[in-house]
Amino acid sequence: MTWFNPVTGAFNVLHTRMDGERIVQEGTQGNGRRIRWIFDEITDQTFHWTGEQQLPDGSWRLEAEFFGRRR
């Protein structure tokens, strides 16, 4: 999956896989840090999305979180 942010100019290529009921997308930012986006709690009407960045110590930091709902 590719993502381009027209505001910041960020460009990411993420590899997508299923992890049980979750969709996990993993890639690397321009600065070399690993990132992952996770879609979970997926239903016909809703989903939960998180965006995380891996820190130098190997832990993950939450950078974004959204709860989506079909209108």
C-alpha atoms as a PDB file:
ATOM      1  CA  MET A   1       0.000   0.000   0.000  1.00  0.00           C
ATOM      2  CA  THR A   2       1.315   3.472  -0.730  1.00  0.00           C
ATOM      3  CA  TRP A   3       0.403   6.627   1.148  1.00  0.00           C
ATOM      4  CA  PHE A   4       1.207  10.199   0.151  1.00  0.00           C
ATOM      5  CA  ASN A   5       0.379  13.098   2.478  1.00  0.00           C
ATOM      6  CA  PRO A   6      -0.088  16.189   0.282  1.00  0.00           C
ATOM      7  CA  VAL A   7       0.243  18.530   3.273  1.00  0.00           C
ATOM      8  CA  THR A   8       3.575  17.277   4.646  1.00  0.00           C
ATOM      9  CA  GLY A   9       4.944  15.535   1.560  1.00  0.00           C
ATOM     10  CA  ALA A  10       5.402  12.295   3.521  1.00  0.00           C
ATOM     11  CA  PHE A  11       5.425   9.200   1.316  1.00  0.00           C
ATOM     12  CA  ASN A  12       5.184   5.695   2.768  1.00  0.00           C
ATOM     13  CA  VAL A  13       5.132   2.207   1.297  1.00  0.00           C
ATOM     14  CA  LEU A  14       3.579  -0.270   3.701  1.00  0.00           C
ATOM     15  CA  HIS A  15       3.301  -4.041   3.366  1.00  0.00           C
ATOM     16  CA  THR A  16      -0.121  -5.337   4.358  1.00  0.00           C
ATOM     17  CA  ARG A  17      -0.977  -8.626   6.059  1.00  0.00           C
ATOM     18  CA  MET A  18      -3.770 -10.139   8.079  1.00  0.00           C
ATOM     19  CA  ASP A  19      -3.069 -10.891  11.753  1.00  0.00           C
ATOM     20  CA  GLY A  20      -6.124 -12.788  12.927  1.00  0.00           C
ATOM     21  CA  GLU A  21      -8.994 -10.303  12.615  1.00  0.00           C
ATOM     22  CA  ARG A  22      -6.643  -7.318  12.278  1.00  0.00           C
ATOM     23  CA  ILE A  23      -5.159  -5.701   9.178  1.00  0.00           C
ATOM     24  CA  VAL A  24      -1.525  -4.753   9.852  1.00  0.00           C
ATOM     25  CA  GLN A  25       0.432  -2.460   7.534  1.00  0.00           C
ATOM     26  CA  GLU A  26       4.180  -2.081   8.166  1.00  0.00           C
ATOM     27  CA  GLY A  27       6.822   0.077   6.544  1.00  0.00           C
ATOM     28  CA  THR A  28       9.620   2.586   7.070  1.00  0.00           C
ATOM     29  CA  GLN A  29       9.516   6.380   7.245  1.00  0.00           C
ATOM     30  CA  GLY A  30      11.952   8.591   5.362  1.00  0.00           C
ATOM     31  CA  ASN A  31      14.018   8.905   8.560  1.00  0.00           C
ATOM     32  CA  GLY A  32      14.461   5.104   8.650  1.00  0.00           C
ATOM     33  CA  ARG A  33      12.145   4.455  11.586  1.00  0.00           C
ATOM     34  CA  ARG A  34       9.680   1.596  11.289  1.00  0.00           C
ATOM     35  CA  ILE A  35       5.980   2.392  11.320  1.00  0.00           C
ATOM     36  CA  ARG A  36       2.852   0.286  11.507  1.00  0.00           C
ATOM     37  CA  TRP A  37      -0.793   1.021  10.968  1.00  0.00           C
ATOM     38  CA  ILE A  38      -3.347  -1.356  12.460  1.00  0.00           C
ATOM     39  CA  PHE A  39      -7.038  -1.674  11.602  1.00  0.00           C
ATOM     40  CA  ASP A  40      -8.949  -3.674  14.196  1.00  0.00           C
ATOM     41  CA  GLU A  41     -12.398  -3.964  15.735  1.00  0.00           C
ATOM     42  CA  ILE A  42     -13.665  -4.094  12.154  1.00  0.00           C
ATOM     43  CA  THR A  43     -17.413  -4.491  11.701  1.00  0.00           C
ATOM     44  CA  ASP A  44     -19.834  -3.710   8.882  1.00  0.00           C
ATOM     45  CA  GLN A  45     -20.323  -0.255  10.424  1.00  0.00           C
ATOM     46  CA  THR A  46     -17.150   0.648  12.362  1.00  0.00           C
ATOM     47  CA  PHE A  47     -13.383   0.228  12.658  1.00  0.00           C
ATOM     48  CA  HIS A  48     -10.508   1.313  14.878  1.00  0.00           C
ATOM     49  CA  TRP A  49      -7.210   2.515  13.357  1.00  0.00           C
ATOM     50  CA  THR A  50      -3.890   3.229  15.066  1.00  0.00           C
ATOM     51  CA  GLY A  51      -0.638   4.574  13.663  1.00  0.00           C
ATOM     52  CA  GLU A  52       2.554   3.812  15.565  1.00  0.00           C
ATOM     53  CA  GLN A  53       6.282   4.532  15.211  1.00  0.00           C
ATOM     54  CA  GLN A  54       9.002   2.275  16.566  1.00  0.00           C
ATOM     55  CA  LEU A  55      11.399   3.985  18.964  1.00  0.00           C
ATOM     56  CA  PRO A  56      15.151   3.283  19.110  1.00  0.00           C
ATOM     57  CA  ASP A  57      14.630   1.005  22.150  1.00  0.00           C
ATOM     58  CA  GLY A  58      12.272  -1.210  20.097  1.00  0.00           C
ATOM     59  CA  SER A  59       9.050  -0.106  21.795  1.00  0.00           C
ATOM     60  CA  TRP A  60       6.164   1.396  19.822  1.00  0.00           C
ATOM     61  CA  ARG A  61       4.750   4.912  20.295  1.00  0.00           C
ATOM     62  CA  LEU A  62       1.142   5.674  19.396  1.00  0.00           C
ATOM     63  CA  GLU A  63       1.055   8.650  17.021  1.00  0.00           C
ATOM     64  CA  ALA A  64      -2.524   8.590  15.759  1.00  0.00           C
ATOM     65  CA  GLU A  65      -5.809   6.906  16.608  1.00  0.00           C
ATOM     66  CA  PHE A  66      -9.135   7.057  14.813  1.00  0.00           C
ATOM     67  CA  PHE A  67     -12.516   5.450  15.309  1.00  0.00           C
ATOM     68  CA  GLY A  68     -14.405   5.238  12.021  1.00  0.00           C
ATOM     69  CA  ARG A  69     -18.124   4.809  11.505  1.00  0.00           C
ATOM     70  CA  ARG A  70     -20.066   4.320   8.296  1.00  0.00           C
ATOM     71  CA  ARG A  71     -22.592   7.052   7.590  1.00  0.00           C
END
